[in-house]
Amino acid sequence: KHMKNQVFTTSNNLPVVLLAAAISGAPVLVGKIPAIVTYDTVPTVGPYETVVATEGVYEQPYTIAADVAAGDPLYLDGGEMGDADGDTTGVVFGHALEKLVFADGATGTCKVILPR
């Protein structure tokens, strides 16, 4: 017998309504679920409907206050990705897939894997 209550066969791409407009590639939290916006929100005046990806590896901008090792958690706070020093959400957005050296600059881009 087939399961009748399954809504999606995969949850990687989910249709959502966001609280604010967002562009493709932007990191967002859907509640406490880390996600990447896959399409610019429609319409440009709320409600802001789009699709988000909840799995994968993405090149994302960051701001750090100290060195970050590959595998360390990154947080999303106010739309900005960074280390635990600037976090106020307590939600791990993803993990750095490369070493980030503060002396090389507090901002840049890095590969981030979303948690599963």
Protein backbone atom coordinates (compact mmCIF):
# COMPACT_ATOMS: atom_id res chain seq x y z
CA LYS A 1 0.00 0.00 0.00
CA HIS A 2 1.35 3.47 -0.90
CA MET A 3 1.74 6.15 1.75
CA LYS A 4 -1.06 8.72 1.33
CA ASN A 5 0.26 11.48 3.58
CA GLN A 6 3.55 12.18 1.74
CA VAL A 7 3.57 15.79 0.54
CA PHE A 8 6.98 15.94 -1.19
CA THR A 9 9.20 13.06 -2.30
CA THR A 10 12.23 15.30 -1.70
CA SER A 11 12.51 18.35 0.51
CA ASN A 12 15.46 20.00 -1.20
CA ASN A 13 13.30 22.63 -2.96
CA LEU A 14 10.36 23.96 -1.01
CA PRO A 15 7.81 26.62 -1.94
CA VAL A 16 7.63 29.20 0.87
CA VAL A 17 6.31 32.65 1.73
CA LEU A 18 9.02 34.90 3.21
CA LEU A 19 8.54 37.89 5.50
CA ALA A 20 10.60 40.14 3.21
CA ALA A 21 11.60 40.30 -0.45
CA ALA A 22 14.74 38.33 -1.35
CA ILE A 23 16.83 37.72 -4.45
CA SER A 24 18.07 34.44 -5.88
CA GLY A 25 21.12 33.16 -3.99
CA ALA A 26 20.29 34.96 -0.74
CA PRO A 27 20.63 32.98 2.51
CA VAL A 28 17.44 32.91 4.60
CA LEU A 29 16.04 31.18 7.64
CA VAL A 30 12.59 29.68 7.17
CA GLY A 31 11.75 29.54 10.84
CA LYS A 32 14.94 27.80 11.97
CA ILE A 33 15.54 25.95 8.68
CA PRO A 34 18.59 27.28 6.78
CA ALA A 35 17.88 27.76 3.07
CA ILE A 36 19.02 29.52 -0.09
CA VAL A 37 16.51 31.46 -2.21
CA THR A 38 16.39 29.87 -5.67
CA TYR A 39 14.18 32.48 -7.39
CA ASP A 40 13.64 36.18 -6.75
CA THR A 41 10.52 36.64 -4.64
CA VAL A 42 7.23 37.30 -6.43
CA PRO A 43 5.56 39.71 -6.18
CA THR A 44 7.84 42.53 -5.14
CA VAL A 45 5.22 43.57 -2.56
CA GLY A 46 4.24 40.90 0.00
CA PRO A 47 3.37 38.19 0.47
CA TYR A 48 6.78 37.20 -0.86
CA GLU A 49 6.47 33.81 -2.57
CA THR A 50 9.53 31.87 -3.75
CA VAL A 51 11.25 28.50 -3.69
CA VAL A 52 14.18 27.75 -1.38
CA ALA A 53 16.86 25.05 -1.44
CA THR A 54 17.50 23.31 1.89
CA GLU A 55 20.46 21.11 0.88
CA GLY A 56 23.70 21.60 -1.01
CA VAL A 57 26.89 23.66 -1.12
CA TYR A 58 26.75 27.38 -1.95
CA GLU A 59 29.28 30.19 -2.38
CA GLN A 60 28.24 32.77 0.21
CA PRO A 61 29.57 36.12 1.46
CA TYR A 62 30.69 36.22 5.09
CA THR A 63 31.94 38.51 7.84
CA ILE A 64 34.14 37.00 10.57
CA ALA A 65 35.77 38.25 13.77
CA ALA A 66 38.30 35.40 14.09
CA ASP A 67 39.75 32.51 12.06
CA VAL A 68 37.26 29.84 10.99
CA ALA A 69 38.43 26.28 10.28
CA ALA A 70 36.94 24.11 7.56
CA GLY A 71 33.97 22.37 9.14
CA ASP A 72 33.26 25.13 11.67
CA PRO A 73 29.66 26.34 11.93
CA LEU A 74 28.56 29.61 10.36
CA TYR A 75 25.53 31.59 11.48
CA LEU A 76 23.09 33.89 9.71
CA ASP A 77 22.29 37.10 11.53
CA GLY A 78 20.44 40.00 9.92
CA GLY A 79 21.04 38.51 6.46
CA GLU A 80 24.82 38.34 7.03
CA MET A 81 26.79 35.08 7.31
CA GLY A 82 29.49 34.92 9.97
CA ASP A 83 31.15 33.17 12.87
CA ALA A 84 29.66 32.69 16.34
CA ASP A 85 31.04 36.06 17.51
CA GLY A 86 28.37 38.03 15.64
CA ASP A 87 25.53 35.54 16.11
CA THR A 88 22.33 36.43 17.92
CA THR A 89 20.08 33.71 16.43
CA GLY A 90 21.69 30.56 17.85
CA VAL A 91 20.86 28.78 14.57
CA VAL A 92 23.72 27.13 12.68
CA PHE A 93 23.17 28.12 9.04
CA GLY A 94 25.84 25.83 7.59
CA HIS A 95 29.48 24.82 7.84
CA ALA A 96 32.50 26.36 6.15
CA LEU A 97 34.10 24.04 3.61
CA GLU A 98 37.36 25.97 3.64
CA LYS A 99 39.57 27.75 6.17
CA LEU A 100 38.80 31.47 6.59
CA VAL A 101 41.70 33.53 7.93
CA PHE A 102 40.74 36.75 9.69
CA ALA A 103 44.13 38.34 8.86
CA ASP A 104 43.29 37.91 5.14
CA GLY A 105 40.21 40.09 5.63
CA ALA A 106 37.11 40.06 7.77
CA THR A 107 34.86 39.70 4.71
CA GLY A 108 34.89 37.53 1.60
CA THR A 109 33.10 34.55 0.09
CA CYS A 110 33.39 30.88 0.93
CA LYS A 111 31.77 27.55 0.19
CA VAL A 112 29.11 26.71 2.78
CA ILE A 113 27.34 23.36 3.11
CA LEU A 114 23.83 23.49 4.54
CA PRO A 115 23.16 21.10 7.47
CA ARG A 116 21.02 18.04 6.83
